[in-house]
Amino acid sequence: QVNGHILAGVVTGGQEFARPAGAIVAAASAGVDRLEAALAAQDPAATVEALDVLEQAATQLGVSVRATDALTRQLVGDEAAAGVRENLVAPTDGIQSAIAAIRAENSAVSPDRIAQLRTSLSTINDNFQDFISVDAAVLVQPFLSEVQLAVEGVDNDTDWYAPAAVVLMLQQFGVAFGALSFVRERQLGIVDVYRIAPVNALETLVGKYLAYLLLGGAIGAVLLALVVAVLGVPVAAGIGELAIVMALTLFAAVGLGFLISLASTTDTQAVQYTILVLLSSLFFSGFFLSLGQLEGAARVASGLLPVSYGMSLLRDVMLRGAPIDRPTGIALAAYGVGMFALALLGTRRRMSMRR
């Protein structure tokens, strides 16, 4: 909108600059009348004087026409400005060519030359009038944008941000609890109990996953119910699709939390990593900025966050009633499986270590 207003101001200035061309065209038309009268009277002196007046007017007209052509090409490009060259520049060049031909023909001037001059001046005058009379805003923005809702009832900012907030909080729950899991157990000595207990690393990890998925699922259901009941966010999808999206997001987030926990040595370190994940999720997940606006390292950071996939899926499913996007869903599931594999390797390594 700002760009449109600036360009409209530029066009208005160009119209004001071109406005005196009407007087120049009138002077040129009067010069053609004098020229025709001088030729009819076979007065060489009057003919030369009329040609001088007409040539001066044509030169002034050429300045205005070429300025208009240059402005138009800068605004809309060479291809779109072809009409200006055809309707303004070419007739102006035709006038100058006709004047040169009349000077060369001297007394044997063809009547077609006068007709050519009048036709060119009429074409220039008509097109200049169109250029200076049309609204500058219409020239710059000829189309009026009108936004229509694809889904009725989804018209508030809350409707757009609520699914993203739910997914973000769900991810942080999984990351935070997963990040503190193994760190706290090492400090309390529970890992030593695992080593002598009849459980292996896979069973330990699966048990943790099940606990956090059940607890996180309950929290996600409460959050979803609150945004629907309290904030009035519409739901255009079935419970099954919502559950699948939230389960995949939570599964990937818990795996990321376990990976952080296995890489941390203290509670403080795990919490710091969790805060970094939260800040990255706010800026690189599509919460504030569209994913399409991210490039380079920001795009890579977005792909490393489960919330980026979950946010896109939940918005489509919840607000539009669209089916789960298969590529995005597969990517989120693959992310979760990859985190599970890395967490399993880290758990085996921790349980095999001795103090």
Protein backbone atom coordinates (compact mmCIF):
# COMPACT_ATOMS: atom_id res chain seq x y z
CA GLN A 1 0.00 0.00 0.00
CA VAL A 2 2.83 2.41 0.85
CA ASN A 3 4.56 1.58 -2.42
CA GLY A 4 1.32 2.23 -4.30
CA HIS A 5 0.88 5.65 -2.67
CA ILE A 6 4.47 6.63 -3.54
CA LEU A 7 4.08 5.58 -7.16
CA ALA A 8 0.74 7.38 -7.39
CA GLY A 9 2.49 10.55 -6.23
CA VAL A 10 5.14 10.08 -8.92
CA VAL A 11 2.44 9.60 -11.58
CA THR A 12 0.59 12.69 -10.37
CA GLY A 13 3.79 14.69 -10.77
CA GLY A 14 4.17 13.32 -14.29
CA GLN A 15 0.61 14.30 -15.11
CA GLU A 16 1.23 17.84 -13.89
CA PHE A 17 4.37 17.98 -16.01
CA ALA A 18 2.45 16.76 -19.07
CA ARG A 19 -0.53 19.07 -18.53
CA PRO A 20 1.01 22.08 -20.45
CA ALA A 21 1.28 19.83 -23.50
CA GLY A 22 -2.36 20.65 -24.22
CA ALA A 23 -1.39 24.26 -24.87
CA ILE A 24 1.51 23.11 -27.04
CA VAL A 25 -0.84 20.93 -29.11
CA ALA A 26 -3.19 23.92 -29.52
CA ALA A 27 -0.28 26.06 -30.68
CA ALA A 28 0.81 23.35 -33.10
CA SER A 29 -2.73 23.08 -34.48
CA ALA A 30 -2.77 26.85 -35.01
CA GLY A 31 0.60 26.53 -36.76
CA VAL A 32 -0.86 23.91 -39.11
CA ASP A 33 -3.73 26.28 -39.96
CA ARG A 34 -1.23 29.07 -40.71
CA LEU A 35 0.86 26.68 -42.77
CA GLU A 36 -2.14 25.54 -44.79
CA ALA A 37 -3.18 29.16 -45.41
CA ALA A 38 0.36 30.15 -46.43
CA LEU A 39 0.59 27.21 -48.84
CA ALA A 40 -2.80 28.06 -50.32
CA ALA A 41 -1.69 31.69 -50.82
CA GLN A 42 1.67 30.49 -52.20
CA ASP A 43 3.48 32.82 -49.78
CA PRO A 44 7.03 31.42 -49.23
CA ALA A 45 7.83 33.79 -46.34
CA ALA A 46 4.62 32.97 -44.49
CA THR A 47 5.20 29.25 -45.16
CA VAL A 48 8.69 29.36 -43.62
CA GLU A 49 7.40 31.33 -40.62
CA ALA A 50 4.55 28.85 -40.09
CA LEU A 51 6.98 25.92 -40.35
CA ASP A 52 9.28 27.53 -37.76
CA VAL A 53 6.36 27.97 -35.32
CA LEU A 54 5.19 24.43 -35.98
CA GLU A 55 8.70 22.98 -35.56
CA GLN A 56 9.18 24.81 -32.26
CA ALA A 57 5.87 23.42 -30.98
CA ALA A 58 6.82 19.92 -32.18
CA THR A 59 10.15 20.15 -30.32
CA GLN A 60 8.43 21.19 -27.08
CA LEU A 61 5.87 18.46 -27.59
CA GLY A 62 8.63 15.92 -28.10
CA VAL A 63 10.15 16.82 -24.70
CA SER A 64 6.85 16.24 -22.90
CA VAL A 65 6.15 13.04 -24.82
CA ARG A 66 9.55 11.51 -24.12
CA ALA A 67 9.37 12.46 -20.46
CA THR A 68 6.01 10.69 -20.26
CA ASP A 69 7.46 7.67 -22.05
CA ALA A 70 10.44 7.50 -19.68
CA LEU A 71 8.19 7.76 -16.61
CA THR A 72 5.89 5.05 -17.89
CA ARG A 73 8.76 2.68 -18.67
CA GLN A 74 10.20 3.16 -15.19
CA LEU A 75 6.86 2.38 -13.58
CA VAL A 76 5.55 -0.51 -15.68
CA GLY A 77 8.49 -1.67 -17.83
CA ASP A 78 9.31 -1.47 -21.53
CA GLU A 79 6.75 -4.02 -22.69
CA ALA A 80 3.82 -2.44 -20.86
CA ALA A 81 4.88 1.05 -22.04
CA ALA A 82 4.59 0.10 -25.70
CA GLY A 83 1.23 1.90 -25.90
CA VAL A 84 2.84 5.21 -24.98
CA ARG A 85 5.43 4.83 -27.73
CA GLU A 86 2.74 3.90 -30.23
CA ASN A 87 0.21 6.61 -29.34
CA LEU A 88 2.48 9.49 -28.31
CA VAL A 89 6.11 9.06 -29.37
CA ALA A 90 5.40 7.74 -32.87
CA PRO A 91 2.92 10.54 -33.80
CA THR A 92 5.37 13.15 -32.49
CA ASP A 93 8.13 11.70 -34.66
CA GLY A 94 5.63 11.71 -37.54
CA ILE A 95 5.03 15.45 -37.09
CA GLN A 96 8.75 16.19 -37.19
CA SER A 97 9.17 13.97 -40.27
CA ALA A 98 6.25 15.72 -42.00
CA ILE A 99 7.78 19.16 -41.27
CA ALA A 100 11.11 18.06 -42.72
CA ALA A 101 9.34 16.69 -45.81
CA ILE A 102 7.39 19.96 -46.30
CA ARG A 103 10.61 21.97 -46.09
CA ALA A 104 12.16 19.68 -48.68
CA GLU A 105 9.14 19.80 -51.01
CA ASN A 106 9.01 23.61 -50.80
CA SER A 107 6.13 24.81 -52.97
CA ALA A 108 5.09 21.35 -54.21
CA VAL A 109 3.60 20.23 -50.90
CA SER A 110 1.18 17.33 -51.06
CA PRO A 111 -2.19 17.81 -49.26
CA ASP A 112 -1.49 14.48 -47.54
CA ARG A 113 1.26 16.18 -45.49
CA ILE A 114 -1.25 18.55 -43.91
CA ALA A 115 -3.63 15.67 -43.25
CA GLN A 116 -0.76 13.72 -41.64
CA LEU A 117 0.02 16.64 -39.35
CA ARG A 118 -3.60 17.01 -38.26
CA THR A 119 -3.99 13.25 -37.66
CA SER A 120 -0.81 13.08 -35.57
CA LEU A 121 -1.81 16.09 -33.49
CA SER A 122 -5.29 14.66 -32.92
CA THR A 123 -3.83 11.32 -31.78
CA ILE A 124 -1.38 13.02 -29.40
CA ASN A 125 -4.05 15.32 -27.97
CA ASP A 126 -6.50 12.46 -27.32
CA ASN A 127 -3.92 10.29 -25.59
CA PHE A 128 -2.52 13.15 -23.54
CA GLN A 129 -6.00 13.96 -22.35
CA ASP A 130 -6.47 10.34 -21.30
CA PHE A 131 -3.13 10.32 -19.48
CA ILE A 132 -3.64 13.51 -17.50
CA SER A 133 -7.32 12.91 -16.67
CA VAL A 134 -7.19 9.34 -15.35
CA ASP A 135 -6.81 8.84 -11.60
CA ALA A 136 -3.15 8.22 -10.68
CA ALA A 137 -4.14 5.49 -8.20
CA VAL A 138 -5.90 3.62 -11.01
CA LEU A 139 -2.82 3.82 -13.22
CA VAL A 140 -0.59 2.42 -10.47
CA GLN A 141 -3.03 -0.10 -9.00
CA PRO A 142 -5.65 -0.88 -11.64
CA PHE A 143 -7.00 -3.87 -9.72
CA LEU A 144 -8.77 -3.69 -6.37
CA SER A 145 -7.90 -6.55 -4.02
CA GLU A 146 -10.79 -8.13 -2.19
CA VAL A 147 -10.15 -10.80 0.42
CA GLN A 148 -12.70 -13.58 0.80
CA LEU A 149 -12.64 -16.14 3.57
CA ALA A 150 -12.04 -19.69 2.43
CA VAL A 151 -13.70 -20.98 5.60
CA GLU A 152 -16.66 -19.14 7.06
CA GLY A 153 -16.29 -18.06 10.66
CA VAL A 154 -12.48 -17.94 10.65
CA ASP A 155 -11.96 -14.18 10.71
CA ASN A 156 -10.12 -13.31 13.93
CA ASP A 157 -6.42 -13.10 14.74
CA THR A 158 -7.15 -15.47 17.59
CA ASP A 159 -8.32 -18.13 15.16
CA TRP A 160 -4.98 -18.02 13.36
CA TYR A 161 -2.70 -17.97 16.42
CA ALA A 162 -4.61 -20.37 18.68
CA PRO A 163 -3.59 -23.62 16.89
CA ALA A 164 0.00 -22.37 16.69
CA ALA A 165 0.00 -21.59 20.43
CA VAL A 166 -1.38 -25.03 21.25
CA VAL A 167 1.31 -26.77 19.20
CA LEU A 168 4.03 -24.52 20.65
CA MET A 169 3.02 -25.24 24.25
CA LEU A 170 2.70 -28.93 23.47
CA GLN A 171 6.20 -29.01 22.02
CA GLN A 172 7.65 -27.16 24.99
CA PHE A 173 6.00 -29.58 27.37
CA GLY A 174 7.63 -32.51 25.59
CA VAL A 175 11.00 -30.82 25.24
CA ALA A 176 11.11 -29.52 28.84
CA PHE A 177 10.09 -32.79 30.54
CA GLY A 178 12.22 -34.87 28.20
CA ALA A 179 15.23 -32.58 28.72
CA LEU A 180 15.06 -32.94 32.50
CA SER A 181 14.42 -36.66 32.49
CA PHE A 182 17.83 -38.31 32.23
CA VAL A 183 19.66 -35.40 33.87
CA ARG A 184 17.57 -35.67 37.02
CA GLU A 185 17.83 -39.48 37.06
CA ARG A 186 21.61 -39.33 36.87
CA GLN A 187 21.69 -36.89 39.77
CA LEU A 188 19.35 -39.05 41.86
CA GLY A 189 21.19 -42.28 41.01
CA ILE A 190 18.20 -43.86 39.27
CA VAL A 191 20.39 -44.74 36.27
CA ASP A 192 22.35 -47.11 38.53
CA VAL A 193 19.08 -48.80 39.41
CA TYR A 194 18.34 -49.25 35.70
CA ARG A 195 21.67 -51.00 35.25
CA ILE A 196 20.84 -53.72 37.75
CA ALA A 197 17.13 -53.90 37.00
CA PRO A 198 15.77 -56.46 34.50
CA VAL A 199 15.09 -53.78 31.87
CA ASN A 200 17.12 -52.74 28.87
CA ALA A 201 17.57 -49.32 27.22
CA LEU A 202 14.71 -49.86 24.74
CA GLU A 203 12.22 -50.76 27.46
CA THR A 204 13.31 -47.83 29.58
CA LEU A 205 12.96 -45.40 26.72
CA VAL A 206 9.59 -46.77 25.58
CA GLY A 207 8.28 -46.49 29.15
CA LYS A 208 9.30 -42.84 29.29
CA TYR A 209 7.75 -42.17 25.90
CA LEU A 210 4.44 -43.73 26.91
CA ALA A 211 4.30 -41.75 30.14
CA TYR A 212 5.01 -38.41 28.51
CA LEU A 213 2.75 -39.10 25.52
CA LEU A 214 -0.21 -39.95 27.78
CA LEU A 215 0.37 -36.95 30.03
CA GLY A 216 1.08 -34.64 27.09
CA GLY A 217 -1.98 -35.91 25.24
CA ALA A 218 -4.17 -35.04 28.22
CA ILE A 219 -2.62 -31.57 28.41
CA GLY A 220 -3.08 -31.07 24.67
CA ALA A 221 -6.75 -32.07 24.91
CA VAL A 222 -7.30 -29.57 27.72
CA LEU A 223 -5.56 -26.79 25.79
CA LEU A 224 -7.59 -27.53 22.67
CA ALA A 225 -10.82 -27.56 24.63
CA LEU A 226 -9.96 -24.22 26.21
CA VAL A 227 -9.21 -22.44 22.93
CA VAL A 228 -12.46 -23.76 21.45
CA ALA A 229 -14.70 -23.12 24.44
CA VAL A 230 -13.18 -19.91 25.81
CA LEU A 231 -11.70 -18.22 22.73
CA GLY A 232 -14.34 -19.49 20.32
CA VAL A 233 -11.87 -20.85 17.77
CA PRO A 234 -13.76 -22.95 15.20
CA VAL A 235 -12.85 -26.57 14.56
CA ALA A 236 -13.44 -27.83 11.04
CA ALA A 237 -11.83 -31.27 11.50
CA GLY A 238 -12.61 -34.48 13.30
CA ILE A 239 -11.14 -35.49 16.64
CA GLY A 240 -9.12 -38.26 15.01
CA GLU A 241 -7.18 -35.91 12.72
CA LEU A 242 -6.51 -33.48 15.54
CA ALA A 243 -5.28 -36.33 17.75
CA ILE A 244 -2.94 -37.62 15.03
CA VAL A 245 -1.35 -34.20 14.49
CA MET A 246 -0.90 -33.56 18.19
CA ALA A 247 0.44 -37.07 18.84
CA LEU A 248 3.03 -36.77 16.06
CA THR A 249 4.11 -33.35 17.35
CA LEU A 250 4.40 -34.57 20.92
CA PHE A 251 6.26 -37.72 19.83
CA ALA A 252 8.86 -35.64 17.98
CA ALA A 253 9.12 -33.07 20.79
CA VAL A 254 9.68 -35.69 23.50
CA GLY A 255 12.43 -37.25 21.38
CA LEU A 256 14.10 -33.85 21.00
CA GLY A 257 13.85 -33.37 24.77
CA PHE A 258 15.47 -36.74 25.44
CA LEU A 259 18.29 -35.85 23.07
CA ILE A 260 18.86 -32.60 24.96
CA SER A 261 18.78 -34.47 28.26
CA LEU A 262 21.37 -36.99 27.11
CA ALA A 263 23.63 -34.16 25.88
CA SER A 264 23.32 -32.12 29.11
CA THR A 265 25.26 -32.63 32.31
CA THR A 266 23.21 -30.44 34.70
CA ASP A 267 19.65 -29.23 35.16
CA THR A 268 20.73 -25.67 34.35
CA GLN A 269 22.27 -26.70 31.08
CA ALA A 270 19.15 -28.65 30.09
CA VAL A 271 16.91 -25.68 30.93
CA GLN A 272 19.11 -23.34 28.89
CA TYR A 273 18.86 -25.63 25.87
CA THR A 274 15.10 -25.77 26.33
CA ILE A 275 14.86 -21.97 26.35
CA LEU A 276 16.92 -21.84 23.15
CA VAL A 277 14.48 -24.27 21.53
CA LEU A 278 11.57 -22.07 22.66
CA LEU A 279 13.12 -18.89 21.24
CA SER A 280 13.97 -20.63 17.99
CA SER A 281 10.40 -21.93 17.78
CA LEU A 282 8.98 -18.43 18.16
CA PHE A 283 11.06 -16.97 15.34
CA PHE A 284 11.61 -19.84 12.90
CA SER A 285 8.48 -21.99 13.08
CA GLY A 286 5.99 -19.77 11.26
CA PHE A 287 4.44 -18.41 14.44
CA PHE A 288 5.19 -14.78 13.58
CA LEU A 289 6.60 -15.01 10.04
CA SER A 290 5.42 -17.25 7.24
CA LEU A 291 7.76 -20.15 6.47
CA GLY A 292 7.81 -18.96 2.86
CA GLN A 293 9.65 -15.81 3.98
CA LEU A 294 12.51 -17.77 5.57
CA GLU A 295 15.66 -18.50 3.59
CA GLY A 296 19.09 -19.97 4.14
CA ALA A 297 20.04 -20.80 7.72
CA ALA A 298 16.62 -19.68 8.99
CA ARG A 299 14.96 -22.23 6.72
CA VAL A 300 17.28 -24.96 8.02
CA ALA A 301 16.52 -23.97 11.63
CA SER A 302 12.82 -24.20 10.85
CA GLY A 303 13.24 -27.77 9.60
CA LEU A 304 14.93 -28.78 12.88
CA LEU A 305 11.89 -27.85 14.98
CA PRO A 306 8.88 -30.19 15.39
CA VAL A 307 6.58 -27.21 15.91
CA SER A 308 7.16 -26.06 12.31
CA TYR A 309 5.51 -29.20 10.97
CA GLY A 310 2.86 -29.45 13.69
CA MET A 311 1.83 -25.82 13.36
CA SER A 312 1.26 -26.10 9.62
CA LEU A 313 -0.68 -29.35 9.99
CA LEU A 314 -2.90 -28.20 12.86
CA ARG A 315 -3.80 -24.91 11.16
CA ASP A 316 -4.83 -26.69 7.97
CA VAL A 317 -6.74 -29.42 9.75
CA MET A 318 -8.37 -27.31 12.45
CA LEU A 319 -9.23 -24.13 10.52
CA ARG A 320 -9.72 -25.35 6.96
CA GLY A 321 -10.92 -28.87 7.58
CA ALA A 322 -8.29 -30.09 5.12
CA PRO A 323 -6.95 -33.64 5.31
CA ILE A 324 -3.55 -34.14 6.87
CA ASP A 325 -0.91 -33.12 4.37
CA ARG A 326 0.87 -36.37 3.57
CA PRO A 327 4.42 -35.03 2.92
CA THR A 328 4.37 -32.85 6.03
CA GLY A 329 2.92 -35.64 8.17
CA ILE A 330 5.51 -38.12 6.91
CA ALA A 331 8.29 -35.59 7.56
CA LEU A 332 7.09 -35.07 11.14
CA ALA A 333 6.81 -38.82 11.75
CA ALA A 334 10.30 -39.36 10.29
CA TYR A 335 11.61 -36.58 12.55
CA GLY A 336 10.13 -38.34 15.58
CA VAL A 337 11.54 -41.72 14.56
CA GLY A 338 14.96 -40.16 14.02
CA MET A 339 14.86 -38.56 17.48
CA PHE A 340 13.78 -41.89 18.98
CA ALA A 341 16.72 -43.67 17.33
CA LEU A 342 19.21 -41.09 18.57
CA ALA A 343 17.70 -41.15 22.06
CA LEU A 344 17.92 -44.94 22.10
CA LEU A 345 21.60 -44.87 21.19
CA GLY A 346 22.24 -42.27 23.90
CA THR A 347 20.26 -44.27 26.48
CA ARG A 348 22.23 -47.44 25.76
CA ARG A 349 25.46 -45.53 26.09
CA ARG A 350 24.39 -43.99 29.42
CA MET A 351 23.23 -47.28 30.86
CA SER A 352 26.45 -49.02 29.88
CA MET A 353 28.68 -46.38 31.47
CA ARG A 354 30.21 -46.92 34.90
CA ARG A 355 30.90 -44.27 37.47
